[in-house]
Amino acid sequence: MRASKYQQKSIARDNIEELFRQAEETFDSSSKLADRYVELALKIRDKAKVKLTKDEKRRFCKKCHSYLKPGNNCTARVKNKVLLLHCKTCDNIRRICRCKAD
């Protein structure tokens, strides 16, 4: 029996959360495995048409899809109420406006 669309999205959301949790846990031992978990989470997101939370969106680089951990493979700076995330893998800089309450 096939699951309803609501059940499919719920399962997809749970899988995405689990993949990001595993990426966080395995980053210290294997950063490539953490990057793979992010890629799998993004594939599930695209297939099930599920939106990521703000926290999940900020945990990977949108250009190279690598898992970001400040101090290890990215730097995080606040400049004029703007959060700058600089990925050291691909030199991409994300600017996140912090002027509104998140």
PDB file of N, CA and C in Angstrom:
ATOM      1  N   MET A   1       0.841  -1.182   0.000  1.00  0.00           N
ATOM      2  CA  MET A   1       0.000   0.000   0.000  1.00  0.00           C
ATOM      3  C   MET A   1       0.884   1.242   0.000  1.00  0.00           C
ATOM      4  N   ARG A   2       0.522   2.204  -0.792  1.00  0.00           N
ATOM      5  CA  ARG A   2       1.319   3.404  -0.950  1.00  0.00           C
ATOM      6  C   ARG A   2       0.943   4.445   0.105  1.00  0.00           C
ATOM      7  N   ALA A   3       1.952   5.138   0.619  1.00  0.00           N
ATOM      8  CA  ALA A   3       1.721   6.165   1.630  1.00  0.00           C
ATOM      9  C   ALA A   3       1.146   7.424   0.978  1.00  0.00           C
ATOM     10  N   SER A   4       0.380   8.180   1.746  1.00  0.00           N
ATOM     11  CA  SER A   4      -0.174   9.423   1.223  1.00  0.00           C
ATOM     12  C   SER A   4       0.948  10.454   1.080  1.00  0.00           C
ATOM     13  N   LYS A   5       0.666  11.534   0.374  1.00  0.00           N
ATOM     14  CA  LYS A   5       1.680  12.566   0.166  1.00  0.00           C
ATOM     15  C   LYS A   5       2.120  13.172   1.490  1.00  0.00           C
ATOM     16  N   TYR A   6       1.203  13.343   2.419  1.00  0.00           N
ATOM     17  CA  TYR A   6       1.551  13.885   3.732  1.00  0.00           C
ATOM     18  C   TYR A   6       2.514  12.947   4.456  1.00  0.00           C
ATOM     19  N   GLN A   7       2.244  11.650   4.382  1.00  0.00           N
ATOM     20  CA  GLN A   7       3.123  10.670   5.028  1.00  0.00           C
ATOM     21  C   GLN A   7       4.491  10.640   4.349  1.00  0.00           C
ATOM     22  N   GLN A   8       4.514  10.752   3.021  1.00  0.00           N
ATOM     23  CA  GLN A   8       5.784  10.766   2.291  1.00  0.00           C
ATOM     24  C   GLN A   8       6.630  11.975   2.687  1.00  0.00           C
ATOM     25  N   LYS A   9       5.995  13.143   2.804  1.00  0.00           N
ATOM     26  CA  LYS A   9       6.731  14.344   3.197  1.00  0.00           C
ATOM     27  C   LYS A   9       7.207  14.247   4.632  1.00  0.00           C
ATOM     28  N   SER A  10       6.405  13.638   5.486  1.00  0.00           N
ATOM     29  CA  SER A  10       6.811  13.453   6.877  1.00  0.00           C
ATOM     30  C   SER A  10       8.018  12.519   6.977  1.00  0.00           C
ATOM     31  N   ILE A  11       7.994  11.446   6.216  1.00  0.00           N
ATOM     32  CA  ILE A  11       9.124  10.509   6.193  1.00  0.00           C
ATOM     33  C   ILE A  11      10.369  11.194   5.635  1.00  0.00           C
ATOM     34  N   ALA A  12      10.195  11.976   4.569  1.00  0.00           N
ATOM     35  CA  ALA A  12      11.313  12.695   3.962  1.00  0.00           C
ATOM     36  C   ALA A  12      11.910  13.690   4.956  1.00  0.00           C
ATOM     37  N   ARG A  13      11.052  14.410   5.682  1.00  0.00           N
ATOM     38  CA  ARG A  13      11.518  15.384   6.680  1.00  0.00           C
ATOM     39  C   ARG A  13      12.332  14.678   7.759  1.00  0.00           C
ATOM     40  N   ASP A  14      11.856  13.524   8.230  1.00  0.00           N
ATOM     41  CA  ASP A  14      12.587  12.759   9.248  1.00  0.00           C
ATOM     42  C   ASP A  14      13.945  12.290   8.719  1.00  0.00           C
ATOM     43  N   ASN A  15      13.970  11.825   7.471  1.00  0.00           N
ATOM     44  CA  ASN A  15      15.227  11.359   6.878  1.00  0.00           C
ATOM     45  C   ASN A  15      16.230  12.499   6.720  1.00  0.00           C
ATOM     46  N   ILE A  16      15.753  13.671   6.323  1.00  0.00           N
ATOM     47  CA  ILE A  16      16.631  14.831   6.165  1.00  0.00           C
ATOM     48  C   ILE A  16      17.223  15.231   7.516  1.00  0.00           C
ATOM     49  N   GLU A  17      16.396  15.271   8.545  1.00  0.00           N
ATOM     50  CA  GLU A  17      16.892  15.602   9.885  1.00  0.00           C
ATOM     51  C   GLU A  17      17.933  14.597  10.349  1.00  0.00           C
ATOM     52  N   GLU A  18      17.696  13.325  10.085  1.00  0.00           N
ATOM     53  CA  GLU A  18      18.637  12.276  10.481  1.00  0.00           C
ATOM     54  C   GLU A  18      19.956  12.412   9.716  1.00  0.00           C
ATOM     55  N   LEU A  19      19.897  12.726   8.430  1.00  0.00           N
ATOM     56  CA  LEU A  19      21.121  12.878   7.645  1.00  0.00           C
ATOM     57  C   LEU A  19      21.954  14.063   8.121  1.00  0.00           C
ATOM     58  N   PHE A  20      21.305  15.173   8.462  1.00  0.00           N
ATOM     59  CA  PHE A  20      22.053  16.315   8.984  1.00  0.00           C
ATOM     60  C   PHE A  20      22.651  15.999  10.356  1.00  0.00           C
ATOM     61  N   ARG A  21      21.940  15.226  11.163  1.00  0.00           N
ATOM     62  CA  ARG A  21      22.472  14.823  12.471  1.00  0.00           C
ATOM     63  C   ARG A  21      23.702  13.935  12.289  1.00  0.00           C
ATOM     64  N   GLN A  22      23.619  12.997  11.347  1.00  0.00           N
ATOM     65  CA  GLN A  22      24.753  12.115  11.084  1.00  0.00           C
ATOM     66  C   GLN A  22      25.932  12.889  10.500  1.00  0.00           C
ATOM     67  N   ALA A  23      25.651  13.884   9.671  1.00  0.00           N
ATOM     68  CA  ALA A  23      26.727  14.705   9.105  1.00  0.00           C
ATOM     69  C   ALA A  23      27.467  15.445  10.212  1.00  0.00           C
ATOM     70  N   GLU A  24      26.719  15.950  11.169  1.00  0.00           N
ATOM     71  CA  GLU A  24      27.344  16.654  12.296  1.00  0.00           C
ATOM     72  C   GLU A  24      28.207  15.714  13.129  1.00  0.00           C
ATOM     73  N   GLU A  25      27.721  14.504  13.354  1.00  0.00           N
ATOM     74  CA  GLU A  25      28.450  13.540  14.174  1.00  0.00           C
ATOM     75  C   GLU A  25      29.718  13.030  13.484  1.00  0.00           C
ATOM     76  N   THR A  26      29.663  12.827  12.180  1.00  0.00           N
ATOM     77  CA  THR A  26      30.789  12.209  11.477  1.00  0.00           C
ATOM     78  C   THR A  26      31.759  13.219  10.880  1.00  0.00           C
ATOM     79  N   PHE A  27      31.492  14.516  11.009  1.00  0.00           N
ATOM     80  CA  PHE A  27      32.345  15.513  10.377  1.00  0.00           C
ATOM     81  C   PHE A  27      33.787  15.445  10.885  1.00  0.00           C
ATOM     82  N   ASP A  28      33.981  15.258  12.183  1.00  0.00           N
ATOM     83  CA  ASP A  28      35.338  15.242  12.738  1.00  0.00           C
ATOM     84  C   ASP A  28      36.163  14.076  12.215  1.00  0.00           C
ATOM     85  N   SER A  29      35.537  12.918  12.028  1.00  0.00           N
ATOM     86  CA  SER A  29      36.284  11.751  11.555  1.00  0.00           C
ATOM     87  C   SER A  29      36.393  11.710  10.031  1.00  0.00           C
ATOM     88  N   SER A  30      35.354  12.134   9.317  1.00  0.00           N
ATOM     89  CA  SER A  30      35.377  12.080   7.852  1.00  0.00           C
ATOM     90  C   SER A  30      34.509  13.207   7.287  1.00  0.00           C
ATOM     91  N   SER A  31      35.152  14.250   6.807  1.00  0.00           N
ATOM     92  CA  SER A  31      34.388  15.373   6.263  1.00  0.00           C
ATOM     93  C   SER A  31      33.745  15.006   4.919  1.00  0.00           C
ATOM     94  N   LYS A  32      34.360  14.101   4.159  1.00  0.00           N
ATOM     95  CA  LYS A  32      33.767  13.688   2.874  1.00  0.00           C
ATOM     96  C   LYS A  32      32.473  12.917   3.090  1.00  0.00           C
ATOM     97  N   LEU A  33      32.414  12.124   4.140  1.00  0.00           N
ATOM     98  CA  LEU A  33      31.183  11.400   4.451  1.00  0.00           C
ATOM     99  C   LEU A  33      30.092  12.377   4.878  1.00  0.00           C
ATOM    100  N   ALA A  34      30.456  13.397   5.637  1.00  0.00           N
ATOM    101  CA  ALA A  34      29.482  14.421   6.033  1.00  0.00           C
ATOM    102  C   ALA A  34      28.949  15.152   4.802  1.00  0.00           C
ATOM    103  N   ASP A  35      29.833  15.438   3.834  1.00  0.00           N
ATOM    104  CA  ASP A  35      29.394  16.082   2.593  1.00  0.00           C
ATOM    105  C   ASP A  35      28.435  15.178   1.818  1.00  0.00           C
ATOM    106  N   ARG A  36      28.704  13.886   1.845  1.00  0.00           N
ATOM    107  CA  ARG A  36      27.824  12.922   1.165  1.00  0.00           C
ATOM    108  C   ARG A  36      26.441  12.898   1.817  1.00  0.00           C
ATOM    109  N   TYR A  37      26.400  12.969   3.145  1.00  0.00           N
ATOM    110  CA  TYR A  37      25.109  13.012   3.841  1.00  0.00           C
ATOM    111  C   TYR A  37      24.317  14.250   3.426  1.00  0.00           C
ATOM    112  N   VAL A  38      25.005  15.378   3.270  1.00  0.00           N
ATOM    113  CA  VAL A  38      24.322  16.600   2.836  1.00  0.00           C
ATOM    114  C   VAL A  38      23.768  16.415   1.424  1.00  0.00           C
ATOM    115  N   GLU A  39      24.548  15.820   0.533  1.00  0.00           N
ATOM    116  CA  GLU A  39      24.074  15.586  -0.835  1.00  0.00           C
ATOM    117  C   GLU A  39      22.839  14.688  -0.844  1.00  0.00           C
ATOM    118  N   LEU A  40      22.844  13.654  -0.010  1.00  0.00           N
ATOM    119  CA  LEU A  40      21.680  12.765   0.066  1.00  0.00           C
ATOM    120  C   LEU A  40      20.459  13.510   0.595  1.00  0.00           C
ATOM    121  N   ALA A  41      20.669  14.354   1.601  1.00  0.00           N
ATOM    122  CA  ALA A  41      19.559  15.133   2.153  1.00  0.00           C
ATOM    123  C   ALA A  41      18.976  16.064   1.096  1.00  0.00           C
ATOM    124  N   LEU A  42      19.841  16.666   0.281  1.00  0.00           N
ATOM    125  CA  LEU A  42      19.360  17.562  -0.769  1.00  0.00           C
ATOM    126  C   LEU A  42      18.613  16.801  -1.866  1.00  0.00           C
ATOM    127  N   LYS A  43      19.049  15.580  -2.154  1.00  0.00           N
ATOM    128  CA  LYS A  43      18.326  14.763  -3.133  1.00  0.00           C
ATOM    129  C   LYS A  43      16.933  14.417  -2.615  1.00  0.00           C
ATOM    130  N   ILE A  44      16.842  14.068  -1.337  1.00  0.00           N
ATOM    131  CA  ILE A  44      15.535  13.767  -0.746  1.00  0.00           C
ATOM    132  C   ILE A  44      14.658  15.005  -0.776  1.00  0.00           C
ATOM    133  N   ARG A  45      15.251  16.169  -0.449  1.00  0.00           N
ATOM    134  CA  ARG A  45      14.498  17.425  -0.473  1.00  0.00           C
ATOM    135  C   ARG A  45      13.919  17.680  -1.861  1.00  0.00           C
ATOM    136  N   ASP A  46      14.731  17.495  -2.900  1.00  0.00           N
ATOM    137  CA  ASP A  46      14.267  17.748  -4.258  1.00  0.00           C
ATOM    138  C   ASP A  46      13.198  16.753  -4.692  1.00  0.00           C
ATOM    139  N   LYS A  47      13.392  15.495  -4.341  1.00  0.00           N
ATOM    140  CA  LYS A  47      12.452  14.447  -4.748  1.00  0.00           C
ATOM    141  C   LYS A  47      11.098  14.606  -4.068  1.00  0.00           C
ATOM    142  N   ALA A  48      11.111  14.906  -2.754  1.00  0.00           N
ATOM    143  CA  ALA A  48       9.858  14.998  -1.999  1.00  0.00           C
ATOM    144  C   ALA A  48       9.284  16.411  -1.960  1.00  0.00           C
ATOM    145  N   LYS A  49      10.034  17.394  -2.509  1.00  0.00           N
ATOM    146  CA  LYS A  49       9.604  18.793  -2.515  1.00  0.00           C
ATOM    147  C   LYS A  49       9.318  19.286  -1.099  1.00  0.00           C
ATOM    148  N   VAL A  50      10.313  19.074  -0.228  1.00  0.00           N
ATOM    149  CA  VAL A  50      10.229  19.483   1.167  1.00  0.00           C
ATOM    150  C   VAL A  50      11.140  20.683   1.356  1.00  0.00           C
ATOM    151  N   LYS A  51      10.709  21.660   2.158  1.00  0.00           N
ATOM    152  CA  LYS A  51      11.542  22.817   2.434  1.00  0.00           C
ATOM    153  C   LYS A  51      12.443  22.529   3.628  1.00  0.00           C
ATOM    154  N   LEU A  52      13.676  23.059   3.562  1.00  0.00           N
ATOM    155  CA  LEU A  52      14.597  22.933   4.676  1.00  0.00           C
ATOM    156  C   LEU A  52      14.345  24.052   5.678  1.00  0.00           C
ATOM    157  N   THR A  53      14.689  23.794   6.937  1.00  0.00           N
ATOM    158  CA  THR A  53      14.567  24.825   7.958  1.00  0.00           C
ATOM    159  C   THR A  53      15.711  25.820   7.805  1.00  0.00           C
ATOM    160  N   LYS A  54      15.612  26.975   8.455  1.00  0.00           N
ATOM    161  CA  LYS A  54      16.680  27.975   8.388  1.00  0.00           C
ATOM    162  C   LYS A  54      17.993  27.406   8.897  1.00  0.00           C
ATOM    163  N   ASP A  55      17.923  26.646   9.959  1.00  0.00           N
ATOM    164  CA  ASP A  55      19.134  26.056  10.529  1.00  0.00           C
ATOM    165  C   ASP A  55      19.786  25.096   9.546  1.00  0.00           C
ATOM    166  N   GLU A  56      18.994  24.286   8.877  1.00  0.00           N
ATOM    167  CA  GLU A  56      19.540  23.328   7.909  1.00  0.00           C
ATOM    168  C   GLU A  56      20.136  24.045   6.699  1.00  0.00           C
ATOM    169  N   LYS A  57      19.515  25.127   6.265  1.00  0.00           N
ATOM    170  CA  LYS A  57      20.018  25.866   5.114  1.00  0.00           C
ATOM    171  C   LYS A  57      21.392  26.461   5.383  1.00  0.00           C
ATOM    172  N   ARG A  58      21.653  26.821   6.624  1.00  0.00           N
ATOM    173  CA  ARG A  58      22.916  27.473   6.975  1.00  0.00           C
ATOM    174  C   ARG A  58      24.025  26.477   7.285  1.00  0.00           C
ATOM    175  N   ARG A  59      23.729  25.193   7.268  1.00  0.00           N
ATOM    176  CA  ARG A  59      24.719  24.187   7.639  1.00  0.00           C
ATOM    177  C   ARG A  59      25.457  23.594   6.448  1.00  0.00           C
ATOM    178  N   PHE A  60      25.178  24.064   5.231  1.00  0.00           N
ATOM    179  CA  PHE A  60      25.919  23.582   4.071  1.00  0.00           C
ATOM    180  C   PHE A  60      26.146  24.728   3.093  1.00  0.00           C
ATOM    181  N   CYS A  61      27.176  24.585   2.280  1.00  0.00           N
ATOM    182  CA  CYS A  61      27.502  25.589   1.272  1.00  0.00           C
ATOM    183  C   CYS A  61      26.590  25.384   0.070  1.00  0.00           C
ATOM    184  N   LYS A  62      25.983  26.449  -0.387  1.00  0.00           N
ATOM    185  CA  LYS A  62      25.061  26.328  -1.513  1.00  0.00           C
ATOM    186  C   LYS A  62      25.779  26.134  -2.842  1.00  0.00           C
ATOM    187  N   LYS A  63      27.071  26.431  -2.888  1.00  0.00           N
ATOM    188  CA  LYS A  63      27.811  26.283  -4.131  1.00  0.00           C
ATOM    189  C   LYS A  63      28.400  24.878  -4.284  1.00  0.00           C
ATOM    190  N   CYS A  64      29.115  24.401  -3.255  1.00  0.00           N
ATOM    191  CA  CYS A  64      29.790  23.106  -3.375  1.00  0.00           C
ATOM    192  C   CYS A  64      29.116  22.004  -2.554  1.00  0.00           C
ATOM    193  N   HIS A  65      28.059  22.326  -1.818  1.00  0.00           N
ATOM    194  CA  HIS A  65      27.278  21.380  -1.013  1.00  0.00           C
ATOM    195  C   HIS A  65      28.113  20.669   0.050  1.00  0.00           C
ATOM    196  N   SER A  66      29.111  21.335   0.588  1.00  0.00           N
ATOM    197  CA  SER A  66      29.884  20.728   1.671  1.00  0.00           C
ATOM    198  C   SER A  66      29.273  21.146   3.007  1.00  0.00           C
ATOM    199  N   TYR A  67      29.369  20.245   3.978  1.00  0.00           N
ATOM    200  CA  TYR A  67      28.855  20.525   5.315  1.00  0.00           C
ATOM    201  C   TYR A  67      29.745  21.578   5.962  1.00  0.00           C
ATOM    202  N   LEU A  68      29.165  22.636   6.510  1.00  0.00           N
ATOM    203  CA  LEU A  68      29.939  23.726   7.092  1.00  0.00           C
ATOM    204  C   LEU A  68      29.990  23.609   8.608  1.00  0.00           C
ATOM    205  N   LYS A  69      31.195  23.704   9.136  1.00  0.00           N
ATOM    206  CA  LYS A  69      31.400  23.727  10.574  1.00  0.00           C
ATOM    207  C   LYS A  69      32.355  24.884  10.867  1.00  0.00           C
ATOM    208  N   PRO A  70      31.832  25.979  11.454  1.00  0.00           N
ATOM    209  CA  PRO A  70      32.679  27.147  11.701  1.00  0.00           C
ATOM    210  C   PRO A  70      33.922  26.783  12.505  1.00  0.00           C
ATOM    211  N   GLY A  71      35.046  27.316  12.053  1.00  0.00           N
ATOM    212  CA  GLY A  71      36.313  27.044  12.696  1.00  0.00           C
ATOM    213  C   GLY A  71      37.091  25.934  12.016  1.00  0.00           C
ATOM    214  N   ASN A  72      36.412  25.068  11.292  1.00  0.00           N
ATOM    215  CA  ASN A  72      37.082  23.971  10.599  1.00  0.00           C
ATOM    216  C   ASN A  72      37.185  24.235   9.101  1.00  0.00           C
ATOM    217  N   ASN A  73      36.035  24.294   8.427  1.00  0.00           N
ATOM    218  CA  ASN A  73      36.077  24.514   6.981  1.00  0.00           C
ATOM    219  C   ASN A  73      35.306  25.759   6.554  1.00  0.00           C
ATOM    220  N   CYS A  74      34.930  26.593   7.513  1.00  0.00           N
ATOM    221  CA  CYS A  74      34.312  27.871   7.175  1.00  0.00           C
ATOM    222  C   CYS A  74      34.561  28.866   8.303  1.00  0.00           C
ATOM    223  N   THR A  75      34.462  30.135   7.950  1.00  0.00           N
ATOM    224  CA  THR A  75      34.563  31.178   8.959  1.00  0.00           C
ATOM    225  C   THR A  75      33.238  31.915   9.005  1.00  0.00           C
ATOM    226  N   ALA A  76      32.852  32.324  10.196  1.00  0.00           N
ATOM    227  CA  ALA A  76      31.614  33.065  10.384  1.00  0.00           C
ATOM    228  C   ALA A  76      31.962  34.407  11.013  1.00  0.00           C
ATOM    229  N   ARG A  77      31.539  35.474  10.372  1.00  0.00           N
ATOM    230  CA  ARG A  77      31.802  36.813  10.856  1.00  0.00           C
ATOM    231  C   ARG A  77      30.507  37.610  10.819  1.00  0.00           C
ATOM    232  N   VAL A  78      30.391  38.558  11.746  1.00  0.00           N
ATOM    233  CA  VAL A  78      29.256  39.473  11.739  1.00  0.00           C
ATOM    234  C   VAL A  78      29.804  40.854  11.425  1.00  0.00           C
ATOM    235  N   LYS A  79      29.282  41.452  10.365  1.00  0.00           N
ATOM    236  CA  LYS A  79      29.736  42.769   9.934  1.00  0.00           C
ATOM    237  C   LYS A  79      28.517  43.594   9.554  1.00  0.00           C
ATOM    238  N   ASN A  80      28.303  44.685  10.277  1.00  0.00           N
ATOM    239  CA  ASN A  80      27.163  45.575  10.027  1.00  0.00           C
ATOM    240  C   ASN A  80      25.838  44.813  10.020  1.00  0.00           C
ATOM    241  N   LYS A  81      25.615  44.002  11.033  1.00  0.00           N
ATOM    242  CA  LYS A  81      24.385  43.217  11.200  1.00  0.00           C
ATOM    243  C   LYS A  81      24.153  42.206  10.084  1.00  0.00           C
ATOM    244  N   VAL A  82      25.218  41.810   9.384  1.00  0.00           N
ATOM    245  CA  VAL A  82      25.138  40.804   8.333  1.00  0.00           C
ATOM    246  C   VAL A  82      26.073  39.663   8.707  1.00  0.00           C
ATOM    247  N   LEU A  83      25.550  38.457   8.711  1.00  0.00           N
ATOM    248  CA  LEU A  83      26.357  37.280   8.992  1.00  0.00           C
ATOM    249  C   LEU A  83      27.029  36.837   7.697  1.00  0.00           C
ATOM    250  N   LEU A  84      28.369  36.739   7.724  1.00  0.00           N
ATOM    251  CA  LEU A  84      29.133  36.306   6.559  1.00  0.00           C
ATOM    252  C   LEU A  84      29.659  34.904   6.818  1.00  0.00           C
ATOM    253  N   LEU A  85      29.266  33.956   5.987  1.00  0.00           N
ATOM    254  CA  LEU A  85      29.776  32.593   6.065  1.00  0.00           C
ATOM    255  C   LEU A  85      30.694  32.380   4.865  1.00  0.00           C
ATOM    256  N   HIS A  86      31.986  32.168   5.132  1.00  0.00           N
ATOM    257  CA  HIS A  86      32.973  31.999   4.076  1.00  0.00           C
ATOM    258  C   HIS A  86      33.399  30.540   4.037  1.00  0.00           C
ATOM    259  N   CYS A  87      33.048  29.838   2.968  1.00  0.00           N
ATOM    260  CA  CYS A  87      33.409  28.435   2.785  1.00  0.00           C
ATOM    261  C   CYS A  87      34.859  28.366   2.324  1.00  0.00           C
ATOM    262  N   LYS A  88      35.682  27.631   3.058  1.00  0.00           N
ATOM    263  CA  LYS A  88      37.097  27.514   2.700  1.00  0.00           C
ATOM    264  C   LYS A  88      37.317  26.486   1.594  1.00  0.00           C
ATOM    265  N   THR A  89      36.327  25.666   1.303  1.00  0.00           N
ATOM    266  CA  THR A  89      36.452  24.664   0.252  1.00  0.00           C
ATOM    267  C   THR A  89      36.382  25.301  -1.133  1.00  0.00           C
ATOM    268  N   CYS A  90      35.394  26.172  -1.346  1.00  0.00           N
ATOM    269  CA  CYS A  90      35.196  26.769  -2.671  1.00  0.00           C
ATOM    270  C   CYS A  90      35.312  28.288  -2.665  1.00  0.00           C
ATOM    271  N   ASP A  91      35.641  28.899  -1.533  1.00  0.00           N
ATOM    272  CA  ASP A  91      35.769  30.357  -1.376  1.00  0.00           C
ATOM    273  C   ASP A  91      34.465  31.106  -1.633  1.00  0.00           C
ATOM    274  N   ASN A  92      33.343  30.451  -1.448  1.00  0.00           N
ATOM    275  CA  ASN A  92      32.049  31.099  -1.596  1.00  0.00           C
ATOM    276  C   ASN A  92      31.716  31.854  -0.312  1.00  0.00           C
ATOM    277  N   ILE A  93      31.116  33.031  -0.443  1.00  0.00           N
ATOM    278  CA  ILE A  93      30.709  33.824   0.721  1.00  0.00           C
ATOM    279  C   ILE A  93      29.196  33.983   0.687  1.00  0.00           C
ATOM    280  N   ARG A  94      28.535  33.586   1.776  1.00  0.00           N
ATOM    281  CA  ARG A  94      27.093  33.780   1.909  1.00  0.00           C
ATOM    282  C   ARG A  94      26.851  34.915   2.867  1.00  0.00           C
ATOM    283  N   ARG A  95      25.971  35.809   2.485  1.00  0.00           N
ATOM    284  CA  ARG A  95      25.600  36.930   3.327  1.00  0.00           C
ATOM    285  C   ARG A  95      24.181  36.712   3.813  1.00  0.00           C
ATOM    286  N   ILE A  96      24.012  36.704   5.118  1.00  0.00           N
ATOM    287  CA  ILE A  96      22.695  36.475   5.713  1.00  0.00           C
ATOM    288  C   ILE A  96      22.346  37.699   6.531  1.00  0.00           C
ATOM    289  N   CYS A  97      21.292  38.363   6.163  1.00  0.00           N
ATOM    290  CA  CYS A  97      20.877  39.575   6.859  1.00  0.00           C
ATOM    291  C   CYS A  97      20.354  39.209   8.233  1.00  0.00           C
ATOM    292  N   ARG A  98      20.902  39.820   9.255  1.00  0.00           N
ATOM    293  CA  ARG A  98      20.498  39.550  10.645  1.00  0.00           C
ATOM    294  C   ARG A  98      19.679  40.722  11.196  1.00  0.00           C
ATOM    295  N   CYS A  99      19.178  41.608  10.328  1.00  0.00           N
ATOM    296  CA  CYS A  99      18.467  42.773  10.823  1.00  0.00           C
ATOM    297  C   CYS A  99      17.090  42.430  11.380  1.00  0.00           C
ATOM    298  N   LYS A 100      16.463  41.356  10.906  1.00  0.00           N
ATOM    299  CA  LYS A 100      15.176  40.915  11.439  1.00  0.00           C
ATOM    300  C   LYS A 100      15.426  39.858  12.511  1.00  0.00           C
ATOM    301  N   ALA A 101      14.452  39.687  13.381  1.00  0.00           N
ATOM    302  CA  ALA A 101      14.553  38.651  14.406  1.00  0.00           C
ATOM    303  C   ALA A 101      14.319  37.292  13.750  1.00  0.00           C
ATOM    304  N   ASP A 102      15.278  36.368  13.903  1.00  0.00           N
ATOM    305  CA  ASP A 102      15.144  35.041  13.300  1.00  0.00           C
ATOM    306  C   ASP A 102      14.437  34.106  14.211  1.00  0.00           C
TER     307      ASP A 102
END
